[in-house]
Amino acid sequence: MPTIKRFAGFVIRMYFSDENPPHVHVENVDFRARVSITDASVLDGEIPSKFSREALSWIEKNRDWLLAKWAEYS
């Protein structure tokens, strides 16, 4: 799946054939994490604190859109 959103220092991606629960990948060259769309919790991996607030806030604010995309492509 293409990149959903680019930030300074990381990207948010959604992969077409991923399994439930609905989630996105928050990544850069130094870290990777899977984050639940429904509650913006980190499922696995880690996000450094300097990126965490921005990433999780964006996921929360865009939850409905992200869930619609998950349903459309999964």
PDB file of N, CA and C in Angstrom:
ATOM      1  N   MET A   1       0.859  -1.187   0.000  1.00  0.00           N
ATOM      2  CA  MET A   1       0.000   0.000   0.000  1.00  0.00           C
ATOM      3  C   MET A   1       0.884   1.221   0.000  1.00  0.00           C
ATOM      4  N   PRO A   2       0.440   2.201  -0.658  1.00  0.00           N
ATOM      5  CA  PRO A   2       1.212   3.433  -0.693  1.00  0.00           C
ATOM      6  C   PRO A   2       1.279   4.093   0.689  1.00  0.00           C
ATOM      7  N   THR A   3       2.152   5.034   0.774  1.00  0.00           N
ATOM      8  CA  THR A   3       2.257   5.840   1.983  1.00  0.00           C
ATOM      9  C   THR A   3       0.975   6.645   2.147  1.00  0.00           C
ATOM     10  N   ILE A   4       0.423   6.614   3.338  1.00  0.00           N
ATOM     11  CA  ILE A   4      -0.802   7.344   3.651  1.00  0.00           C
ATOM     12  C   ILE A   4      -0.487   8.803   3.976  1.00  0.00           C
ATOM     13  N   LYS A   5       0.587   9.014   4.767  1.00  0.00           N
ATOM     14  CA  LYS A   5       0.929  10.354   5.218  1.00  0.00           C
ATOM     15  C   LYS A   5       2.425  10.429   5.465  1.00  0.00           C
ATOM     16  N   ARG A   6       3.047  11.532   5.037  1.00  0.00           N
ATOM     17  CA  ARG A   6       4.464  11.790   5.293  1.00  0.00           C
ATOM     18  C   ARG A   6       4.587  12.913   6.312  1.00  0.00           C
ATOM     19  N   PHE A   7       5.444  12.704   7.269  1.00  0.00           N
ATOM     20  CA  PHE A   7       5.760  13.705   8.276  1.00  0.00           C
ATOM     21  C   PHE A   7       7.257  13.970   8.208  1.00  0.00           C
ATOM     22  N   ALA A   8       7.710  14.970   8.912  1.00  0.00           N
ATOM     23  CA  ALA A   8       9.149  15.208   9.018  1.00  0.00           C
ATOM     24  C   ALA A   8       9.731  14.106   9.900  1.00  0.00           C
ATOM     25  N   GLY A   9      10.382  13.137   9.313  1.00  0.00           N
ATOM     26  CA  GLY A   9      11.041  12.096  10.082  1.00  0.00           C
ATOM     27  C   GLY A   9      10.387  10.731  10.087  1.00  0.00           C
ATOM     28  N   PHE A  10       9.153  10.595   9.600  1.00  0.00           N
ATOM     29  CA  PHE A  10       8.520   9.282   9.556  1.00  0.00           C
ATOM     30  C   PHE A  10       7.361   9.293   8.568  1.00  0.00           C
ATOM     31  N   VAL A  11       6.878   8.092   8.246  1.00  0.00           N
ATOM     32  CA  VAL A  11       5.728   7.946   7.351  1.00  0.00           C
ATOM     33  C   VAL A  11       4.715   7.006   7.997  1.00  0.00           C
ATOM     34  N   ILE A  12       3.465   7.122   7.547  1.00  0.00           N
ATOM     35  CA  ILE A  12       2.418   6.193   7.940  1.00  0.00           C
ATOM     36  C   ILE A  12       1.981   5.465   6.683  1.00  0.00           C
ATOM     37  N   ARG A  13       1.977   4.118   6.769  1.00  0.00           N
ATOM     38  CA  ARG A  13       1.603   3.281   5.629  1.00  0.00           C
ATOM     39  C   ARG A  13       0.518   2.292   6.035  1.00  0.00           C
ATOM     40  N   MET A  14      -0.203   1.828   5.023  1.00  0.00           N
ATOM     41  CA  MET A  14      -1.176   0.759   5.228  1.00  0.00           C
ATOM     42  C   MET A  14      -0.931  -0.267   4.126  1.00  0.00           C
ATOM     43  N   TYR A  15      -0.780  -1.531   4.508  1.00  0.00           N
ATOM     44  CA  TYR A  15      -0.517  -2.584   3.541  1.00  0.00           C
ATOM     45  C   TYR A  15      -1.818  -3.307   3.205  1.00  0.00           C
ATOM     46  N   PHE A  16      -2.034  -3.563   1.915  1.00  0.00           N
ATOM     47  CA  PHE A  16      -3.286  -4.131   1.425  1.00  0.00           C
ATOM     48  C   PHE A  16      -3.665  -5.451   2.063  1.00  0.00           C
ATOM     49  N   SER A  17      -2.744  -6.358   2.208  1.00  0.00           N
ATOM     50  CA  SER A  17      -3.113  -7.720   2.611  1.00  0.00           C
ATOM     51  C   SER A  17      -2.849  -8.003   4.094  1.00  0.00           C
ATOM     52  N   ASP A  18      -2.714  -6.983   4.916  1.00  0.00           N
ATOM     53  CA  ASP A  18      -2.487  -7.202   6.348  1.00  0.00           C
ATOM     54  C   ASP A  18      -3.712  -7.811   7.010  1.00  0.00           C
ATOM     55  N   GLU A  19      -3.465  -8.510   8.104  1.00  0.00           N
ATOM     56  CA  GLU A  19      -4.533  -9.152   8.866  1.00  0.00           C
ATOM     57  C   GLU A  19      -5.063  -8.209   9.936  1.00  0.00           C
ATOM     58  N   ASN A  20      -6.246  -8.539  10.455  1.00  0.00           N
ATOM     59  CA  ASN A  20      -6.849  -7.764  11.541  1.00  0.00           C
ATOM     60  C   ASN A  20      -5.984  -7.858  12.786  1.00  0.00           C
ATOM     61  N   PRO A  21      -6.091  -6.927  13.690  1.00  0.00           N
ATOM     62  CA  PRO A  21      -7.012  -5.796  13.731  1.00  0.00           C
ATOM     63  C   PRO A  21      -6.568  -4.701  12.766  1.00  0.00           C
ATOM     64  N   PRO A  22      -7.487  -3.805  12.406  1.00  0.00           N
ATOM     65  CA  PRO A  22      -7.126  -2.690  11.528  1.00  0.00           C
ATOM     66  C   PRO A  22      -5.975  -1.881  12.131  1.00  0.00           C
ATOM     67  N   HIS A  23      -4.936  -1.660  11.337  1.00  0.00           N
ATOM     68  CA  HIS A  23      -3.761  -0.955  11.834  1.00  0.00           C
ATOM     69  C   HIS A  23      -3.016  -0.270  10.704  1.00  0.00           C
ATOM     70  N   VAL A  24      -2.113   0.598  11.103  1.00  0.00           N
ATOM     71  CA  VAL A  24      -1.196   1.242  10.168  1.00  0.00           C
ATOM     72  C   VAL A  24       0.221   0.980  10.657  1.00  0.00           C
ATOM     73  N   HIS A  25       1.173   1.235   9.771  1.00  0.00           N
ATOM     74  CA  HIS A  25       2.586   1.098  10.093  1.00  0.00           C
ATOM     75  C   HIS A  25       3.182   2.498  10.170  1.00  0.00           C
ATOM     76  N   VAL A  26       3.838   2.781  11.279  1.00  0.00           N
ATOM     77  CA  VAL A  26       4.550   4.048  11.454  1.00  0.00           C
ATOM     78  C   VAL A  26       6.029   3.680  11.350  1.00  0.00           C
ATOM     79  N   GLU A  27       6.732   4.297  10.370  1.00  0.00           N
ATOM     80  CA  GLU A  27       8.085   3.831  10.057  1.00  0.00           C
ATOM     81  C   GLU A  27       9.022   4.973   9.690  1.00  0.00           C
ATOM     82  N   ASN A  28      10.290   4.746   9.959  1.00  0.00           N
ATOM     83  CA  ASN A  28      11.382   5.483   9.331  1.00  0.00           C
ATOM     84  C   ASN A  28      12.570   4.532   9.289  1.00  0.00           C
ATOM     85  N   VAL A  29      13.742   5.001   8.946  1.00  0.00           N
ATOM     86  CA  VAL A  29      14.873   4.087   8.807  1.00  0.00           C
ATOM     87  C   VAL A  29      15.307   3.491  10.142  1.00  0.00           C
ATOM     88  N   ASP A  30      14.984   4.142  11.262  1.00  0.00           N
ATOM     89  CA  ASP A  30      15.429   3.684  12.576  1.00  0.00           C
ATOM     90  C   ASP A  30      14.376   2.974  13.407  1.00  0.00           C
ATOM     91  N   PHE A  31      13.115   3.018  13.017  1.00  0.00           N
ATOM     92  CA  PHE A  31      12.086   2.356  13.816  1.00  0.00           C
ATOM     93  C   PHE A  31      10.908   1.949  12.953  1.00  0.00           C
ATOM     94  N   ARG A  32      10.141   1.005  13.486  1.00  0.00           N
ATOM     95  CA  ARG A  32       8.901   0.533  12.869  1.00  0.00           C
ATOM     96  C   ARG A  32       7.939   0.147  13.980  1.00  0.00           C
ATOM     97  N   ALA A  33       6.664   0.464  13.773  1.00  0.00           N
ATOM     98  CA  ALA A  33       5.638   0.064  14.732  1.00  0.00           C
ATOM     99  C   ALA A  33       4.329  -0.155  13.992  1.00  0.00           C
ATOM    100  N   ARG A  34       3.536  -1.092  14.502  1.00  0.00           N
ATOM    101  CA  ARG A  34       2.163  -1.261  14.028  1.00  0.00           C
ATOM    102  C   ARG A  34       1.270  -0.602  15.062  1.00  0.00           C
ATOM    103  N   VAL A  35       0.330   0.242  14.587  1.00  0.00           N
ATOM    104  CA  VAL A  35      -0.533   0.997  15.488  1.00  0.00           C
ATOM    105  C   VAL A  35      -1.989   0.720  15.144  1.00  0.00           C
ATOM    106  N   SER A  36      -2.763   0.375  16.161  1.00  0.00           N
ATOM    107  CA  SER A  36      -4.190   0.132  15.993  1.00  0.00           C
ATOM    108  C   SER A  36      -4.893   1.400  15.541  1.00  0.00           C
ATOM    109  N   ILE A  37      -5.743   1.273  14.546  1.00  0.00           N
ATOM    110  CA  ILE A  37      -6.518   2.427  14.089  1.00  0.00           C
ATOM    111  C   ILE A  37      -7.621   2.749  15.095  1.00  0.00           C
ATOM    112  N   THR A  38      -8.213   1.739  15.691  1.00  0.00           N
ATOM    113  CA  THR A  38      -9.377   1.976  16.549  1.00  0.00           C
ATOM    114  C   THR A  38      -9.058   2.740  17.820  1.00  0.00           C
ATOM    115  N   ASP A  39      -7.867   2.537  18.395  1.00  0.00           N
ATOM    116  CA  ASP A  39      -7.553   3.264  19.631  1.00  0.00           C
ATOM    117  C   ASP A  39      -6.164   3.896  19.652  1.00  0.00           C
ATOM    118  N   ALA A  40      -5.477   3.886  18.528  1.00  0.00           N
ATOM    119  CA  ALA A  40      -4.141   4.493  18.380  1.00  0.00           C
ATOM    120  C   ALA A  40      -3.139   3.940  19.390  1.00  0.00           C
ATOM    121  N   SER A  41      -3.282   2.652  19.729  1.00  0.00           N
ATOM    122  CA  SER A  41      -2.308   2.021  20.618  1.00  0.00           C
ATOM    123  C   SER A  41      -1.256   1.297  19.780  1.00  0.00           C
ATOM    124  N   VAL A  42      -0.049   1.229  20.276  1.00  0.00           N
ATOM    125  CA  VAL A  42       1.032   0.542  19.583  1.00  0.00           C
ATOM    126  C   VAL A  42       0.850  -0.956  19.813  1.00  0.00           C
ATOM    127  N   LEU A  43       0.663  -1.692  18.720  1.00  0.00           N
ATOM    128  CA  LEU A  43       0.466  -3.143  18.788  1.00  0.00           C
ATOM    129  C   LEU A  43       1.796  -3.866  18.944  1.00  0.00           C
ATOM    130  N   ASP A  44       2.799  -3.428  18.208  1.00  0.00           N
ATOM    131  CA  ASP A  44       4.146  -3.962  18.356  1.00  0.00           C
ATOM    132  C   ASP A  44       5.131  -2.979  17.755  1.00  0.00           C
ATOM    133  N   GLY A  45       6.380  -3.156  18.120  1.00  0.00           N
ATOM    134  CA  GLY A  45       7.403  -2.197  17.717  1.00  0.00           C
ATOM    135  C   GLY A  45       7.397  -1.011  18.663  1.00  0.00           C
ATOM    136  N   GLU A  46       8.055   0.050  18.243  1.00  0.00           N
ATOM    137  CA  GLU A  46       8.081   1.244  19.077  1.00  0.00           C
ATOM    138  C   GLU A  46       8.213   2.493  18.224  1.00  0.00           C
ATOM    139  N   ILE A  47       7.727   3.576  18.772  1.00  0.00           N
ATOM    140  CA  ILE A  47       7.842   4.887  18.146  1.00  0.00           C
ATOM    141  C   ILE A  47       8.565   5.784  19.142  1.00  0.00           C
ATOM    142  N   PRO A  48       9.700   6.358  18.782  1.00  0.00           N
ATOM    143  CA  PRO A  48      10.384   7.257  19.708  1.00  0.00           C
ATOM    144  C   PRO A  48       9.471   8.402  20.138  1.00  0.00           C
ATOM    145  N   SER A  49       9.648   8.836  21.366  1.00  0.00           N
ATOM    146  CA  SER A  49       8.753   9.848  21.928  1.00  0.00           C
ATOM    147  C   SER A  49       8.696  11.124  21.106  1.00  0.00           C
ATOM    148  N   LYS A  50       9.780  11.493  20.427  1.00  0.00           N
ATOM    149  CA  LYS A  50       9.746  12.731  19.651  1.00  0.00           C
ATOM    150  C   LYS A  50       8.828  12.640  18.433  1.00  0.00           C
ATOM    151  N   PHE A  51       8.423  11.418  18.037  1.00  0.00           N
ATOM    152  CA  PHE A  51       7.493  11.230  16.926  1.00  0.00           C
ATOM    153  C   PHE A  51       6.128  10.714  17.378  1.00  0.00           C
ATOM    154  N   SER A  52       6.081  10.122  18.543  1.00  0.00           N
ATOM    155  CA  SER A  52       4.888   9.423  19.001  1.00  0.00           C
ATOM    156  C   SER A  52       3.649  10.314  19.082  1.00  0.00           C
ATOM    157  N   ARG A  53       3.753  11.449  19.708  1.00  0.00           N
ATOM    158  CA  ARG A  53       2.578  12.305  19.889  1.00  0.00           C
ATOM    159  C   ARG A  53       1.975  12.715  18.548  1.00  0.00           C
ATOM    160  N   GLU A  54       2.826  13.123  17.610  1.00  0.00           N
ATOM    161  CA  GLU A  54       2.321  13.556  16.302  1.00  0.00           C
ATOM    162  C   GLU A  54       1.673  12.400  15.546  1.00  0.00           C
ATOM    163  N   ALA A  55       2.321  11.239  15.555  1.00  0.00           N
ATOM    164  CA  ALA A  55       1.793  10.076  14.834  1.00  0.00           C
ATOM    165  C   ALA A  55       0.461   9.617  15.421  1.00  0.00           C
ATOM    166  N   LEU A  56       0.412   9.428  16.724  1.00  0.00           N
ATOM    167  CA  LEU A  56      -0.796   8.905  17.348  1.00  0.00           C
ATOM    168  C   LEU A  56      -1.942   9.906  17.283  1.00  0.00           C
ATOM    169  N   SER A  57      -1.634  11.177  17.405  1.00  0.00           N
ATOM    170  CA  SER A  57      -2.664  12.211  17.281  1.00  0.00           C
ATOM    171  C   SER A  57      -3.257  12.211  15.873  1.00  0.00           C
ATOM    172  N   TRP A  58      -2.416  12.099  14.861  1.00  0.00           N
ATOM    173  CA  TRP A  58      -2.908  12.092  13.478  1.00  0.00           C
ATOM    174  C   TRP A  58      -3.794  10.877  13.243  1.00  0.00           C
ATOM    175  N   ILE A  59      -3.397   9.723  13.765  1.00  0.00           N
ATOM    176  CA  ILE A  59      -4.201   8.510  13.611  1.00  0.00           C
ATOM    177  C   ILE A  59      -5.560   8.689  14.281  1.00  0.00           C
ATOM    178  N   GLU A  60      -5.581   9.228  15.487  1.00  0.00           N
ATOM    179  CA  GLU A  60      -6.852   9.470  16.188  1.00  0.00           C
ATOM    180  C   GLU A  60      -7.754  10.419  15.407  1.00  0.00           C
ATOM    181  N   LYS A  61      -7.193  11.510  14.898  1.00  0.00           N
ATOM    182  CA  LYS A  61      -7.983  12.514  14.166  1.00  0.00           C
ATOM    183  C   LYS A  61      -8.511  11.990  12.839  1.00  0.00           C
ATOM    184  N   ASN A  62      -7.833  11.006  12.275  1.00  0.00           N
ATOM    185  CA  ASN A  62      -8.212  10.477  10.962  1.00  0.00           C
ATOM    186  C   ASN A  62      -8.750   9.051  11.037  1.00  0.00           C
ATOM    187  N   ARG A  63      -9.206   8.643  12.212  1.00  0.00           N
ATOM    188  CA  ARG A  63      -9.664   7.271  12.462  1.00  0.00           C
ATOM    189  C   ARG A  63     -10.737   6.823  11.467  1.00  0.00           C
ATOM    190  N   ASP A  64     -11.774   7.626  11.272  1.00  0.00           N
ATOM    191  CA  ASP A  64     -12.866   7.211  10.384  1.00  0.00           C
ATOM    192  C   ASP A  64     -12.372   6.991   8.961  1.00  0.00           C
ATOM    193  N   TRP A  65     -11.560   7.894   8.463  1.00  0.00           N
ATOM    194  CA  TRP A  65     -11.013   7.765   7.110  1.00  0.00           C
ATOM    195  C   TRP A  65     -10.122   6.533   7.000  1.00  0.00           C
ATOM    196  N   LEU A  66      -9.263   6.316   8.000  1.00  0.00           N
ATOM    197  CA  LEU A  66      -8.379   5.156   7.989  1.00  0.00           C
ATOM    198  C   LEU A  66      -9.174   3.844   8.039  1.00  0.00           C
ATOM    199  N   LEU A  67     -10.198   3.799   8.864  1.00  0.00           N
ATOM    200  CA  LEU A  67     -11.038   2.591   8.924  1.00  0.00           C
ATOM    201  C   LEU A  67     -11.754   2.336   7.597  1.00  0.00           C
ATOM    202  N   ALA A  68     -12.187   3.389   6.937  1.00  0.00           N
ATOM    203  CA  ALA A  68     -12.832   3.244   5.620  1.00  0.00           C
ATOM    204  C   ALA A  68     -11.832   2.692   4.613  1.00  0.00           C
ATOM    205  N   LYS A  69     -10.604   3.186   4.638  1.00  0.00           N
ATOM    206  CA  LYS A  69      -9.571   2.673   3.730  1.00  0.00           C
ATOM    207  C   LYS A  69      -9.253   1.215   4.047  1.00  0.00           C
ATOM    208  N   TRP A  70      -9.187   0.880   5.330  1.00  0.00           N
ATOM    209  CA  TRP A  70      -8.925  -0.509   5.718  1.00  0.00           C
ATOM    210  C   TRP A  70     -10.010  -1.424   5.149  1.00  0.00           C
ATOM    211  N   ALA A  71     -11.260  -1.030   5.310  1.00  0.00           N
ATOM    212  CA  ALA A  71     -12.366  -1.835   4.802  1.00  0.00           C
ATOM    213  C   ALA A  71     -12.340  -1.938   3.277  1.00  0.00           C
ATOM    214  N   GLU A  72     -11.960  -0.871   2.631  1.00  0.00           N
ATOM    215  CA  GLU A  72     -11.910  -0.848   1.179  1.00  0.00           C
ATOM    216  C   GLU A  72     -10.836  -1.757   0.622  1.00  0.00           C
ATOM    217  N   TYR A  73      -9.690  -1.823   1.254  1.00  0.00           N
ATOM    218  CA  TYR A  73      -8.535  -2.526   0.690  1.00  0.00           C
ATOM    219  C   TYR A  73      -8.190  -3.845   1.363  1.00  0.00           C
ATOM    220  N   SER A  74      -8.800  -4.167   2.480  1.00  0.00           N
ATOM    221  CA  SER A  74      -8.440  -5.421   3.164  1.00  0.00           C
ATOM    222  C   SER A  74      -9.384  -6.540   2.808  1.00  0.00           C
TER     223      SER A  74
END
